[in-house]
Amino acid sequence: MPKKYRVKITRHAEQDIQEIYSYIRNDNPKAASNFVGELEQQISSLEKFPSRCSVIPEAEELGTAYRHLIYGQYRTIFRISGNTIYILRVIHGARLLNLTILTPL
């Protein structure tokens, strides 16, 4: 039986999701709700096998093995610590990561 992880979403990540929702809602409220619902399902799927997600390309530069889950054009950046998955950010795939973006609130 696979190990089950606890998923915790940081305030930064919650704000990111709210901003994505607001951005999409401007054009299509139903699509915004659907997208965020599906994104949340993807995040919940990290409870099992979070290591299936690749280490981010910026990991060596940042000095930490953060991982990302890709959904649509967005990257959910997270780290695994013991039995807990910390969702750090949800950003557009074209956006570059740096330590400022990953600083916790």
C-alpha atoms as a PDB file:
ATOM      1  CA  MET A   1       0.000   0.000   0.000  1.00  0.00           C
ATOM      2  CA  PRO A   2       1.482   3.380  -0.985  1.00  0.00           C
ATOM      3  CA  LYS A   3       2.388   5.895   1.666  1.00  0.00           C
ATOM      4  CA  LYS A   4      -0.129   8.730   2.029  1.00  0.00           C
ATOM      5  CA  TYR A   5       1.183  12.264   2.385  1.00  0.00           C
ATOM      6  CA  ARG A   6      -0.495  15.260   3.940  1.00  0.00           C
ATOM      7  CA  VAL A   7      -0.792  18.231   1.561  1.00  0.00           C
ATOM      8  CA  LYS A   8      -0.506  21.744   2.987  1.00  0.00           C
ATOM      9  CA  ILE A   9      -1.031  24.840   0.842  1.00  0.00           C
ATOM     10  CA  THR A  10       0.861  27.991   1.808  1.00  0.00           C
ATOM     11  CA  ARG A  11      -0.781  31.413   1.790  1.00  0.00           C
ATOM     12  CA  HIS A  12       1.316  32.355  -1.244  1.00  0.00           C
ATOM     13  CA  ALA A  13      -0.075  29.384  -3.165  1.00  0.00           C
ATOM     14  CA  GLU A  14      -3.638  30.175  -2.056  1.00  0.00           C
ATOM     15  CA  GLN A  15      -3.179  33.750  -3.291  1.00  0.00           C
ATOM     16  CA  ASP A  16      -1.765  32.449  -6.582  1.00  0.00           C
ATOM     17  CA  ILE A  17      -4.830  30.256  -7.109  1.00  0.00           C
ATOM     18  CA  GLN A  18      -7.165  33.152  -6.307  1.00  0.00           C
ATOM     19  CA  GLU A  19      -5.335  35.388  -8.800  1.00  0.00           C
ATOM     20  CA  ILE A  20      -5.534  32.702 -11.502  1.00  0.00           C
ATOM     21  CA  TYR A  21      -9.251  32.314 -10.822  1.00  0.00           C
ATOM     22  CA  SER A  22      -9.827  36.088 -11.037  1.00  0.00           C
ATOM     23  CA  TYR A  23      -7.824  36.353 -14.247  1.00  0.00           C
ATOM     24  CA  ILE A  24      -9.746  33.558 -16.003  1.00  0.00           C
ATOM     25  CA  ARG A  25     -13.084  34.713 -14.549  1.00  0.00           C
ATOM     26  CA  ASN A  26     -12.762  38.031 -16.382  1.00  0.00           C
ATOM     27  CA  ASP A  27     -13.275  36.153 -19.653  1.00  0.00           C
ATOM     28  CA  ASN A  28     -15.239  33.101 -18.588  1.00  0.00           C
ATOM     29  CA  PRO A  29     -16.545  32.540 -15.022  1.00  0.00           C
ATOM     30  CA  LYS A  30     -17.483  28.899 -15.645  1.00  0.00           C
ATOM     31  CA  ALA A  31     -14.056  28.108 -17.097  1.00  0.00           C
ATOM     32  CA  ALA A  32     -12.441  29.740 -14.069  1.00  0.00           C
ATOM     33  CA  SER A  33     -14.396  27.541 -11.666  1.00  0.00           C
ATOM     34  CA  ASN A  34     -13.672  24.420 -13.709  1.00  0.00           C
ATOM     35  CA  PHE A  35      -9.968  25.195 -13.981  1.00  0.00           C
ATOM     36  CA  VAL A  36      -9.507  25.835 -10.270  1.00  0.00           C
ATOM     37  CA  GLY A  37     -11.498  22.699  -9.389  1.00  0.00           C
ATOM     38  CA  GLU A  38      -9.318  20.595 -11.664  1.00  0.00           C
ATOM     39  CA  LEU A  39      -6.155  22.265 -10.347  1.00  0.00           C
ATOM     40  CA  GLU A  40      -7.211  21.421  -6.785  1.00  0.00           C
ATOM     41  CA  GLN A  41      -7.779  17.791  -7.815  1.00  0.00           C
ATOM     42  CA  GLN A  42      -4.283  17.681  -9.290  1.00  0.00           C
ATOM     43  CA  ILE A  43      -2.843  19.090  -6.066  1.00  0.00           C
ATOM     44  CA  SER A  44      -4.797  16.529  -4.016  1.00  0.00           C
ATOM     45  CA  SER A  45      -3.318  13.759  -6.169  1.00  0.00           C
ATOM     46  CA  LEU A  46       0.044  14.539  -4.574  1.00  0.00           C
ATOM     47  CA  GLU A  47      -1.141  12.630  -1.480  1.00  0.00           C
ATOM     48  CA  LYS A  48       0.076   9.541  -3.332  1.00  0.00           C
ATOM     49  CA  PHE A  49       3.376   9.316  -5.198  1.00  0.00           C
ATOM     50  CA  PRO A  50       4.500  12.972  -5.123  1.00  0.00           C
ATOM     51  CA  SER A  51       7.933  11.806  -6.283  1.00  0.00           C
ATOM     52  CA  ARG A  52       6.396  11.071  -9.690  1.00  0.00           C
ATOM     53  CA  CYS A  53       6.711  14.795 -10.365  1.00  0.00           C
ATOM     54  CA  SER A  54      10.027  16.000 -11.684  1.00  0.00           C
ATOM     55  CA  VAL A  55      12.503  18.205  -9.878  1.00  0.00           C
ATOM     56  CA  ILE A  56      12.272  21.752 -11.230  1.00  0.00           C
ATOM     57  CA  PRO A  57      14.934  22.861 -13.732  1.00  0.00           C
ATOM     58  CA  GLU A  58      15.950  25.730 -11.402  1.00  0.00           C
ATOM     59  CA  ALA A  59      16.712  23.331  -8.514  1.00  0.00           C
ATOM     60  CA  GLU A  60      20.484  23.448  -8.877  1.00  0.00           C
ATOM     61  CA  GLU A  61      20.497  27.262  -9.036  1.00  0.00           C
ATOM     62  CA  LEU A  62      18.178  27.504  -6.012  1.00  0.00           C
ATOM     63  CA  GLY A  63      20.034  24.808  -4.095  1.00  0.00           C
ATOM     64  CA  THR A  64      16.846  22.900  -3.234  1.00  0.00           C
ATOM     65  CA  ALA A  65      15.134  19.957  -4.897  1.00  0.00           C
ATOM     66  CA  TYR A  66      11.701  21.518  -5.299  1.00  0.00           C
ATOM     67  CA  ARG A  67       9.366  19.583  -7.559  1.00  0.00           C
ATOM     68  CA  HIS A  68       6.584  20.720  -9.817  1.00  0.00           C
ATOM     69  CA  LEU A  69       3.274  19.430 -11.016  1.00  0.00           C
ATOM     70  CA  ILE A  70       2.306  20.772 -14.426  1.00  0.00           C
ATOM     71  CA  TYR A  71      -1.355  21.454 -15.128  1.00  0.00           C
ATOM     72  CA  GLY A  72      -2.259  23.370 -18.251  1.00  0.00           C
ATOM     73  CA  GLN A  73       0.070  26.337 -18.462  1.00  0.00           C
ATOM     74  CA  TYR A  74       0.662  26.421 -14.702  1.00  0.00           C
ATOM     75  CA  ARG A  75       3.284  24.889 -12.451  1.00  0.00           C
ATOM     76  CA  THR A  76       2.489  23.894  -8.878  1.00  0.00           C
ATOM     77  CA  ILE A  77       5.804  24.183  -7.032  1.00  0.00           C
ATOM     78  CA  PHE A  78       6.137  21.998  -3.949  1.00  0.00           C
ATOM     79  CA  ARG A  79       8.559  20.336  -1.604  1.00  0.00           C
ATOM     80  CA  ILE A  80       8.376  17.059   0.243  1.00  0.00           C
ATOM     81  CA  SER A  81       9.276  17.110   3.923  1.00  0.00           C
ATOM     82  CA  GLY A  82       8.766  13.831   5.741  1.00  0.00           C
ATOM     83  CA  ASN A  83       5.093  12.893   5.334  1.00  0.00           C
ATOM     84  CA  THR A  84       4.032  16.396   4.275  1.00  0.00           C
ATOM     85  CA  ILE A  85       3.829  18.067   0.888  1.00  0.00           C
ATOM     86  CA  TYR A  86       4.121  21.855   1.036  1.00  0.00           C
ATOM     87  CA  ILE A  87       2.552  23.645  -1.922  1.00  0.00           C
ATOM     88  CA  LEU A  88       4.687  26.761  -2.227  1.00  0.00           C
ATOM     89  CA  ARG A  89       3.447  28.490  -5.371  1.00  0.00           C
ATOM     90  CA  VAL A  90       1.205  28.042  -8.383  1.00  0.00           C
ATOM     91  CA  ILE A  91       2.681  30.084 -11.221  1.00  0.00           C
ATOM     92  CA  HIS A  92       2.449  30.407 -14.970  1.00  0.00           C
ATOM     93  CA  GLY A  93       4.932  28.119 -16.700  1.00  0.00           C
ATOM     94  CA  ALA A  94       6.626  31.036 -18.452  1.00  0.00           C
ATOM     95  CA  ARG A  95       7.474  32.689 -15.145  1.00  0.00           C
ATOM     96  CA  LEU A  96      10.988  32.228 -13.827  1.00  0.00           C
ATOM     97  CA  LEU A  97      11.558  31.102 -10.266  1.00  0.00           C
ATOM     98  CA  ASN A  98      13.900  32.752  -7.828  1.00  0.00           C
ATOM     99  CA  LEU A  99      14.281  32.703  -4.064  1.00  0.00           C
ATOM    100  CA  THR A 100      12.058  35.797  -3.712  1.00  0.00           C
ATOM    101  CA  ILE A 101       9.117  33.971  -5.263  1.00  0.00           C
ATOM    102  CA  LEU A 102       9.596  31.044  -2.891  1.00  0.00           C
ATOM    103  CA  THR A 103       9.936  33.040   0.316  1.00  0.00           C
ATOM    104  CA  PRO A 104       7.123  31.895   2.635  1.00  0.00           C
ATOM    105  CA  LEU A 105       4.564  34.349   4.051  1.00  0.00           C
END
